[in-house]
mmCIF file of all heavy atoms, coordinates in Angstrom:
data_MODEL
# 
_entry.id   MODEL 
# 
loop_
_atom_site.group_PDB 
_atom_site.id 
_atom_site.type_symbol 
_atom_site.label_atom_id 
_atom_site.label_alt_id 
_atom_site.label_comp_id 
_atom_site.label_asym_id 
_atom_site.label_entity_id 
_atom_site.label_seq_id 
_atom_site.pdbx_PDB_ins_code 
_atom_site.Cartn_x 
_atom_site.Cartn_y 
_atom_site.Cartn_z 
_atom_site.occupancy 
_atom_site.B_iso_or_equiv 
_atom_site.pdbx_formal_charge 
_atom_site.auth_seq_id 
_atom_site.auth_comp_id 
_atom_site.auth_asym_id 
_atom_site.auth_atom_id 
_atom_site.pdbx_PDB_model_num 
ATOM 1   N N   . ASP A 1 1  ? 75.116 136.779 59.061 1.00 0.00 ? 1  ASP A N   1 
ATOM 2   C CA  . ASP A 1 1  ? 76.023 135.622 59.004 1.00 0.00 ? 1  ASP A CA  1 
ATOM 3   C C   . ASP A 1 1  ? 75.219 134.342 59.194 1.00 0.00 ? 1  ASP A C   1 
ATOM 4   O O   . ASP A 1 1  ? 75.347 133.590 60.187 1.00 0.00 ? 1  ASP A O   1 
ATOM 5   C CB  . ASP A 1 1  ? 77.078 135.730 60.099 1.00 0.00 ? 1  ASP A CB  1 
ATOM 6   C CG  . ASP A 1 1  ? 78.267 134.793 59.878 1.00 0.00 ? 1  ASP A CG  1 
ATOM 7   O OD1 . ASP A 1 1  ? 78.278 134.154 58.761 1.00 0.00 ? 1  ASP A OD1 1 
ATOM 8   O OD2 . ASP A 1 1  ? 79.115 134.643 60.768 1.00 0.00 ? 1  ASP A OD2 1 
ATOM 9   N N   . ARG A 1 2  ? 74.405 134.021 58.223 1.00 0.00 ? 2  ARG A N   1 
ATOM 10  C CA  . ARG A 1 2  ? 73.551 132.833 58.252 1.00 0.00 ? 2  ARG A CA  1 
ATOM 11  C C   . ARG A 1 2  ? 74.416 131.554 58.220 1.00 0.00 ? 2  ARG A C   1 
ATOM 12  O O   . ARG A 1 2  ? 74.139 130.619 58.929 1.00 0.00 ? 2  ARG A O   1 
ATOM 13  C CB  . ARG A 1 2  ? 72.544 132.818 57.114 1.00 0.00 ? 2  ARG A CB  1 
ATOM 14  C CG  . ARG A 1 2  ? 71.566 133.995 57.173 1.00 0.00 ? 2  ARG A CG  1 
ATOM 15  C CD  . ARG A 1 2  ? 70.595 134.026 55.998 1.00 0.00 ? 2  ARG A CD  1 
ATOM 16  N NE  . ARG A 1 2  ? 71.247 134.186 54.734 1.00 0.00 ? 2  ARG A NE  1 
ATOM 17  C CZ  . ARG A 1 2  ? 70.648 134.538 53.625 1.00 0.00 ? 2  ARG A CZ  1 
ATOM 18  N NH1 . ARG A 1 2  ? 69.317 134.749 53.618 1.00 0.00 ? 2  ARG A NH1 1 
ATOM 19  N NH2 . ARG A 1 2  ? 71.292 134.675 52.471 1.00 0.00 ? 2  ARG A NH2 1 
ATOM 20  N N   . ILE A 1 3  ? 75.428 131.539 57.335 1.00 0.00 ? 3  ILE A N   1 
ATOM 21  C CA  . ILE A 1 3  ? 76.323 130.428 57.220 1.00 0.00 ? 3  ILE A CA  1 
ATOM 22  C C   . ILE A 1 3  ? 77.115 130.175 58.531 1.00 0.00 ? 3  ILE A C   1 
ATOM 23  O O   . ILE A 1 3  ? 77.366 129.102 58.920 1.00 0.00 ? 3  ILE A O   1 
ATOM 24  C CB  . ILE A 1 3  ? 77.269 130.547 55.994 1.00 0.00 ? 3  ILE A CB  1 
ATOM 25  C CG1 . ILE A 1 3  ? 77.978 129.227 55.722 1.00 0.00 ? 3  ILE A CG1 1 
ATOM 26  C CG2 . ILE A 1 3  ? 78.259 131.672 56.156 1.00 0.00 ? 3  ILE A CG2 1 
ATOM 27  C CD1 . ILE A 1 3  ? 77.100 128.123 55.152 1.00 0.00 ? 3  ILE A CD1 1 
ATOM 28  N N   . GLY A 1 4  ? 77.452 131.310 59.216 1.00 0.00 ? 4  GLY A N   1 
ATOM 29  C CA  . GLY A 1 4  ? 78.148 131.200 60.518 1.00 0.00 ? 4  GLY A CA  1 
ATOM 30  C C   . GLY A 1 4  ? 77.294 130.566 61.544 1.00 0.00 ? 4  GLY A C   1 
ATOM 31  O O   . GLY A 1 4  ? 77.786 129.774 62.352 1.00 0.00 ? 4  GLY A O   1 
ATOM 32  N N   . ALA A 1 5  ? 76.006 130.939 61.586 1.00 0.00 ? 5  ALA A N   1 
ATOM 33  C CA  . ALA A 1 5  ? 75.073 130.340 62.545 1.00 0.00 ? 5  ALA A CA  1 
ATOM 34  C C   . ALA A 1 5  ? 74.901 128.861 62.276 1.00 0.00 ? 5  ALA A C   1 
ATOM 35  O O   . ALA A 1 5  ? 74.904 128.020 63.189 1.00 0.00 ? 5  ALA A O   1 
ATOM 36  C CB  . ALA A 1 5  ? 73.729 131.038 62.471 1.00 0.00 ? 5  ALA A CB  1 
ATOM 37  N N   . ALA A 1 6  ? 74.759 128.481 61.018 1.00 0.00 ? 6  ALA A N   1 
ATOM 38  C CA  . ALA A 1 6  ? 74.608 127.029 60.682 1.00 0.00 ? 6  ALA A CA  1 
ATOM 39  C C   . ALA A 1 6  ? 75.910 126.289 61.033 1.00 0.00 ? 6  ALA A C   1 
ATOM 40  O O   . ALA A 1 6  ? 75.860 125.142 61.498 1.00 0.00 ? 6  ALA A O   1 
ATOM 41  C CB  . ALA A 1 6  ? 74.266 126.863 59.173 1.00 0.00 ? 6  ALA A CB  1 
ATOM 42  N N   . GLY A 1 7  ? 77.081 126.894 60.733 1.00 0.00 ? 7  GLY A N   1 
ATOM 43  C CA  . GLY A 1 7  ? 78.343 126.303 61.003 1.00 0.00 ? 7  GLY A CA  1 
ATOM 44  C C   . GLY A 1 7  ? 78.599 126.072 62.499 1.00 0.00 ? 7  GLY A C   1 
ATOM 45  O O   . GLY A 1 7  ? 79.111 125.082 62.925 1.00 0.00 ? 7  GLY A O   1 
ATOM 46  N N   . ALA A 1 8  ? 78.159 127.043 63.376 1.00 0.00 ? 8  ALA A N   1 
ATOM 47  C CA  . ALA A 1 8  ? 78.321 126.875 64.794 1.00 0.00 ? 8  ALA A CA  1 
ATOM 48  C C   . ALA A 1 8  ? 77.488 125.712 65.325 1.00 0.00 ? 8  ALA A C   1 
ATOM 49  O O   . ALA A 1 8  ? 77.947 124.920 66.163 1.00 0.00 ? 8  ALA A O   1 
ATOM 50  C CB  . ALA A 1 8  ? 77.903 128.191 65.477 1.00 0.00 ? 8  ALA A CB  1 
ATOM 51  N N   . LEU A 1 9  ? 76.268 125.580 64.793 1.00 0.00 ? 9  LEU A N   1 
ATOM 52  C CA  . LEU A 1 9  ? 75.422 124.469 65.204 1.00 0.00 ? 9  LEU A CA  1 
ATOM 53  C C   . LEU A 1 9  ? 76.002 123.147 64.739 1.00 0.00 ? 9  LEU A C   1 
ATOM 54  O O   . LEU A 1 9  ? 76.035 122.139 65.538 1.00 0.00 ? 9  LEU A O   1 
ATOM 55  C CB  . LEU A 1 9  ? 74.021 124.663 64.619 1.00 0.00 ? 9  LEU A CB  1 
ATOM 56  C CG  . LEU A 1 9  ? 72.971 123.614 64.967 1.00 0.00 ? 9  LEU A CG  1 
ATOM 57  C CD1 . LEU A 1 9  ? 72.749 123.483 66.454 1.00 0.00 ? 9  LEU A CD1 1 
ATOM 58  C CD2 . LEU A 1 9  ? 71.668 123.900 64.256 1.00 0.00 ? 9  LEU A CD2 1 
ATOM 59  N N   . ALA A 1 10 ? 76.515 123.095 63.500 1.00 0.00 ? 10 ALA A N   1 
ATOM 60  C CA  . ALA A 1 10 ? 77.077 121.862 62.989 1.00 0.00 ? 10 ALA A CA  1 
ATOM 61  C C   . ALA A 1 10 ? 78.326 121.438 63.803 1.00 0.00 ? 10 ALA A C   1 
ATOM 62  O O   . ALA A 1 10 ? 78.489 120.236 64.112 1.00 0.00 ? 10 ALA A O   1 
ATOM 63  C CB  . ALA A 1 10 ? 77.441 122.031 61.501 1.00 0.00 ? 10 ALA A CB  1 
ATOM 64  N N   . ARG A 1 11 ? 79.163 122.370 64.199 1.00 0.00 ? 11 ARG A N   1 
ATOM 65  C CA  . ARG A 1 11 ? 80.365 122.058 64.960 1.00 0.00 ? 11 ARG A CA  1 
ATOM 66  C C   . ARG A 1 11 ? 79.958 121.472 66.319 1.00 0.00 ? 11 ARG A C   1 
ATOM 67  O O   . ARG A 1 11 ? 80.623 120.541 66.813 1.00 0.00 ? 11 ARG A O   1 
ATOM 68  C CB  . ARG A 1 11 ? 81.203 123.306 65.179 1.00 0.00 ? 11 ARG A CB  1 
ATOM 69  C CG  . ARG A 1 11 ? 82.118 123.642 64.013 1.00 0.00 ? 11 ARG A CG  1 
ATOM 70  C CD  . ARG A 1 11 ? 83.167 124.655 64.390 1.00 0.00 ? 11 ARG A CD  1 
ATOM 71  N NE  . ARG A 1 11 ? 82.579 125.922 64.754 1.00 0.00 ? 11 ARG A NE  1 
ATOM 72  C CZ  . ARG A 1 11 ? 82.211 126.891 63.949 1.00 0.00 ? 11 ARG A CZ  1 
ATOM 73  N NH1 . ARG A 1 11 ? 82.395 126.725 62.675 1.00 0.00 ? 11 ARG A NH1 1 
ATOM 74  N NH2 . ARG A 1 11 ? 81.691 128.004 64.390 1.00 0.00 ? 11 ARG A NH2 1 
ATOM 75  N N   . GLU A 1 12 ? 78.912 122.028 66.913 1.00 0.00 ? 12 GLU A N   1 
ATOM 76  C CA  . GLU A 1 12 ? 78.477 121.494 68.225 1.00 0.00 ? 12 GLU A CA  1 
ATOM 77  C C   . GLU A 1 12 ? 78.017 120.052 68.096 1.00 0.00 ? 12 GLU A C   1 
ATOM 78  O O   . GLU A 1 12 ? 78.106 119.287 69.044 1.00 0.00 ? 12 GLU A O   1 
ATOM 79  C CB  . GLU A 1 12 ? 77.386 122.378 68.800 1.00 0.00 ? 12 GLU A CB  1 
ATOM 80  C CG  . GLU A 1 12 ? 77.831 123.700 69.306 1.00 0.00 ? 12 GLU A CG  1 
ATOM 81  C CD  . GLU A 1 12 ? 78.770 123.634 70.506 1.00 0.00 ? 12 GLU A CD  1 
ATOM 82  O OE1 . GLU A 1 12 ? 78.504 122.764 71.396 1.00 0.00 ? 12 GLU A OE1 1 
ATOM 83  O OE2 . GLU A 1 12 ? 79.814 124.319 70.468 1.00 0.00 ? 12 GLU A OE2 1 
ATOM 84  N N   . LEU A 1 13 ? 77.458 119.705 66.956 1.00 0.00 ? 13 LEU A N   1 
ATOM 85  C CA  . LEU A 1 13 ? 76.963 118.350 66.709 1.00 0.00 ? 13 LEU A CA  1 
ATOM 86  C C   . LEU A 1 13 ? 78.055 117.414 66.131 1.00 0.00 ? 13 LEU A C   1 
ATOM 87  O O   . LEU A 1 13 ? 77.799 116.241 65.879 1.00 0.00 ? 13 LEU A O   1 
ATOM 88  C CB  . LEU A 1 13 ? 75.799 118.381 65.743 1.00 0.00 ? 13 LEU A CB  1 
ATOM 89  C CG  . LEU A 1 13 ? 74.550 119.100 66.232 1.00 0.00 ? 13 LEU A CG  1 
ATOM 90  C CD1 . LEU A 1 13 ? 73.512 119.266 65.104 1.00 0.00 ? 13 LEU A CD1 1 
ATOM 91  C CD2 . LEU A 1 13 ? 73.916 118.396 67.437 1.00 0.00 ? 13 LEU A CD2 1 
ATOM 92  N N   . GLY A 1 14 ? 79.261 117.983 65.923 1.00 0.00 ? 14 GLY A N   1 
ATOM 93  C CA  . GLY A 1 14 ? 80.389 117.142 65.396 1.00 0.00 ? 14 GLY A CA  1 
ATOM 94  C C   . GLY A 1 14 ? 80.401 116.985 63.895 1.00 0.00 ? 14 GLY A C   1 
ATOM 95  O O   . GLY A 1 14 ? 80.980 116.072 63.363 1.00 0.00 ? 14 GLY A O   1 
ATOM 96  N N   . TYR A 1 15 ? 79.710 117.866 63.162 1.00 0.00 ? 15 TYR A N   1 
ATOM 97  C CA  . TYR A 1 15 ? 79.597 117.801 61.752 1.00 0.00 ? 15 TYR A CA  1 
ATOM 98  C C   . TYR A 1 15 ? 80.424 118.914 61.049 1.00 0.00 ? 15 TYR A C   1 
ATOM 99  O O   . TYR A 1 15 ? 80.749 119.939 61.691 1.00 0.00 ? 15 TYR A O   1 
ATOM 100 C CB  . TYR A 1 15 ? 78.157 117.970 61.233 1.00 0.00 ? 15 TYR A CB  1 
ATOM 101 C CG  . TYR A 1 15 ? 77.285 116.791 61.435 1.00 0.00 ? 15 TYR A CG  1 
ATOM 102 C CD1 . TYR A 1 15 ? 76.400 116.722 62.534 1.00 0.00 ? 15 TYR A CD1 1 
ATOM 103 C CD2 . TYR A 1 15 ? 77.244 115.703 60.517 1.00 0.00 ? 15 TYR A CD2 1 
ATOM 104 C CE1 . TYR A 1 15 ? 75.572 115.605 62.768 1.00 0.00 ? 15 TYR A CE1 1 
ATOM 105 C CE2 . TYR A 1 15 ? 76.386 114.632 60.728 1.00 0.00 ? 15 TYR A CE2 1 
ATOM 106 C CZ  . TYR A 1 15 ? 75.550 114.576 61.819 1.00 0.00 ? 15 TYR A CZ  1 
ATOM 107 O OH  . TYR A 1 15 ? 74.708 113.509 62.016 1.00 0.00 ? 15 TYR A OH  1 
ATOM 108 N N   . GLY A 1 16 ? 80.731 118.763 59.794 1.00 0.00 ? 16 GLY A N   1 
ATOM 109 C CA  . GLY A 1 16 ? 81.190 119.813 58.947 1.00 0.00 ? 16 GLY A CA  1 
ATOM 110 C C   . GLY A 1 16 ? 80.008 120.386 58.133 1.00 0.00 ? 16 GLY A C   1 
ATOM 111 O O   . GLY A 1 16 ? 78.879 120.051 58.402 1.00 0.00 ? 16 GLY A O   1 
ATOM 112 N N   . LEU A 1 17 ? 80.318 121.249 57.179 1.00 0.00 ? 17 LEU A N   1 
ATOM 113 C CA  . LEU A 1 17 ? 79.281 121.864 56.373 1.00 0.00 ? 17 LEU A CA  1 
ATOM 114 C C   . LEU A 1 17 ? 79.536 121.630 54.877 1.00 0.00 ? 17 LEU A C   1 
ATOM 115 O O   . LEU A 1 17 ? 80.750 121.649 54.455 1.00 0.00 ? 17 LEU A O   1 
ATOM 116 C CB  . LEU A 1 17 ? 79.207 123.367 56.583 1.00 0.00 ? 17 LEU A CB  1 
ATOM 117 C CG  . LEU A 1 17 ? 78.492 123.962 57.815 1.00 0.00 ? 17 LEU A CG  1 
ATOM 118 C CD1 . LEU A 1 17 ? 78.429 125.456 57.646 1.00 0.00 ? 17 LEU A CD1 1 
ATOM 119 C CD2 . LEU A 1 17 ? 77.140 123.378 58.030 1.00 0.00 ? 17 LEU A CD2 1 
ATOM 120 N N   . LEU A 1 18 ? 78.504 121.410 54.100 1.00 0.00 ? 18 LEU A N   1 
ATOM 121 C CA  . LEU A 1 18 ? 78.592 121.393 52.680 1.00 0.00 ? 18 LEU A CA  1 
ATOM 122 C C   . LEU A 1 18 ? 77.500 122.361 52.158 1.00 0.00 ? 18 LEU A C   1 
ATOM 123 O O   . LEU A 1 18 ? 76.316 122.075 52.208 1.00 0.00 ? 18 LEU A O   1 
ATOM 124 C CB  . LEU A 1 18 ? 78.346 119.995 52.107 1.00 0.00 ? 18 LEU A CB  1 
ATOM 125 C CG  . LEU A 1 18 ? 78.403 119.922 50.567 1.00 0.00 ? 18 LEU A CG  1 
ATOM 126 C CD1 . LEU A 1 18 ? 79.823 120.114 50.083 1.00 0.00 ? 18 LEU A CD1 1 
ATOM 127 C CD2 . LEU A 1 18 ? 77.912 118.551 50.087 1.00 0.00 ? 18 LEU A CD2 1 
ATOM 128 N N   . GLU A 1 19 ? 77.944 123.560 51.727 1.00 0.00 ? 19 GLU A N   1 
ATOM 129 C CA  . GLU A 1 19 ? 76.992 124.586 51.221 1.00 0.00 ? 19 GLU A CA  1 
ATOM 130 C C   . GLU A 1 19 ? 76.636 124.289 49.750 1.00 0.00 ? 19 GLU A C   1 
ATOM 131 O O   . GLU A 1 19 ? 77.488 124.097 48.908 1.00 0.00 ? 19 GLU A O   1 
ATOM 132 C CB  . GLU A 1 19 ? 77.572 125.976 51.337 1.00 0.00 ? 19 GLU A CB  1 
ATOM 133 C CG  . GLU A 1 19 ? 76.537 127.063 51.012 1.00 0.00 ? 19 GLU A CG  1 
ATOM 134 C CD  . GLU A 1 19 ? 77.059 128.494 51.174 1.00 0.00 ? 19 GLU A CD  1 
ATOM 135 O OE1 . GLU A 1 19 ? 78.274 128.639 51.411 1.00 0.00 ? 19 GLU A OE1 1 
ATOM 136 O OE2 . GLU A 1 19 ? 76.291 129.404 51.022 1.00 0.00 ? 19 GLU A OE2 1 
ATOM 137 N N   . ILE A 1 20 ? 75.308 124.287 49.459 1.00 0.00 ? 20 ILE A N   1 
ATOM 138 C CA  . ILE A 1 20 ? 74.815 124.026 48.150 1.00 0.00 ? 20 ILE A CA  1 
ATOM 139 C C   . ILE A 1 20 ? 74.098 125.331 47.677 1.00 0.00 ? 20 ILE A C   1 
ATOM 140 O O   . ILE A 1 20 ? 73.077 125.681 48.225 1.00 0.00 ? 20 ILE A O   1 
ATOM 141 C CB  . ILE A 1 20 ? 73.836 122.845 48.154 1.00 0.00 ? 20 ILE A CB  1 
ATOM 142 C CG1 . ILE A 1 20 ? 74.527 121.596 48.665 1.00 0.00 ? 20 ILE A CG1 1 
ATOM 143 C CG2 . ILE A 1 20 ? 73.302 122.584 46.772 1.00 0.00 ? 20 ILE A CG2 1 
ATOM 144 C CD1 . ILE A 1 20 ? 73.634 120.678 49.494 1.00 0.00 ? 20 ILE A CD1 1 
ATOM 145 N N   . ASP A 1 21 ? 74.653 125.951 46.661 1.00 0.00 ? 21 ASP A N   1 
ATOM 146 C CA  . ASP A 1 21 ? 74.096 127.216 46.176 1.00 0.00 ? 21 ASP A CA  1 
ATOM 147 C C   . ASP A 1 21 ? 72.867 126.863 45.281 1.00 0.00 ? 21 ASP A C   1 
ATOM 148 O O   . ASP A 1 21 ? 73.030 126.320 44.197 1.00 0.00 ? 21 ASP A O   1 
ATOM 149 C CB  . ASP A 1 21 ? 75.129 127.986 45.416 1.00 0.00 ? 21 ASP A CB  1 
ATOM 150 C CG  . ASP A 1 21 ? 74.649 129.346 45.008 1.00 0.00 ? 21 ASP A CG  1 
ATOM 151 O OD1 . ASP A 1 21 ? 73.498 129.729 45.382 1.00 0.00 ? 21 ASP A OD1 1 
ATOM 152 O OD2 . ASP A 1 21 ? 75.377 130.091 44.330 1.00 0.00 ? 21 ASP A OD2 1 
ATOM 153 N N   . CYS A 1 22 ? 71.704 127.215 45.704 1.00 0.00 ? 22 CYS A N   1 
ATOM 154 C CA  . CYS A 1 22 ? 70.464 126.919 44.992 1.00 0.00 ? 22 CYS A CA  1 
ATOM 155 C C   . CYS A 1 22 ? 69.924 128.174 44.248 1.00 0.00 ? 22 CYS A C   1 
ATOM 156 O O   . CYS A 1 22 ? 68.748 128.320 44.061 1.00 0.00 ? 22 CYS A O   1 
ATOM 157 C CB  . CYS A 1 22 ? 69.392 126.360 45.885 1.00 0.00 ? 22 CYS A CB  1 
ATOM 158 S SG  . CYS A 1 22 ? 69.902 124.811 46.681 1.00 0.00 ? 22 CYS A SG  1 
ATOM 159 N N   . THR A 1 23 ? 70.836 129.099 43.974 1.00 0.00 ? 23 THR A N   1 
ATOM 160 C CA  . THR A 1 23 ? 70.449 130.308 43.217 1.00 0.00 ? 23 THR A CA  1 
ATOM 161 C C   . THR A 1 23 ? 71.242 130.422 41.971 1.00 0.00 ? 23 THR A C   1 
ATOM 162 O O   . THR A 1 23 ? 72.456 130.683 42.010 1.00 0.00 ? 23 THR A O   1 
ATOM 163 C CB  . THR A 1 23 ? 70.720 131.572 44.080 1.00 0.00 ? 23 THR A CB  1 
ATOM 164 O OG1 . THR A 1 23 ? 70.085 131.401 45.386 1.00 0.00 ? 23 THR A OG1 1 
ATOM 165 C CG2 . THR A 1 23 ? 70.134 132.798 43.443 1.00 0.00 ? 23 THR A CG2 1 
ATOM 166 N N   . PRO A 1 24 ? 70.682 130.258 40.753 1.00 0.00 ? 24 PRO A N   1 
ATOM 167 C CA  . PRO A 1 24 ? 69.256 129.890 40.531 1.00 0.00 ? 24 PRO A CA  1 
ATOM 168 C C   . PRO A 1 24 ? 69.001 128.429 40.909 1.00 0.00 ? 24 PRO A C   1 
ATOM 169 O O   . PRO A 1 24 ? 69.918 127.667 41.044 1.00 0.00 ? 24 PRO A O   1 
ATOM 170 C CB  . PRO A 1 24 ? 69.122 130.083 39.024 1.00 0.00 ? 24 PRO A CB  1 
ATOM 171 C CG  . PRO A 1 24 ? 70.488 129.905 38.483 1.00 0.00 ? 24 PRO A CG  1 
ATOM 172 C CD  . PRO A 1 24 ? 71.428 130.396 39.524 1.00 0.00 ? 24 PRO A CD  1 
# 
């Protein structure tokens, strides 16, 4: 759950998330 780990950190900092798929 990499996106979950990033999301938990962002919430603690008061941010939302914008996921950018770089594949390809």
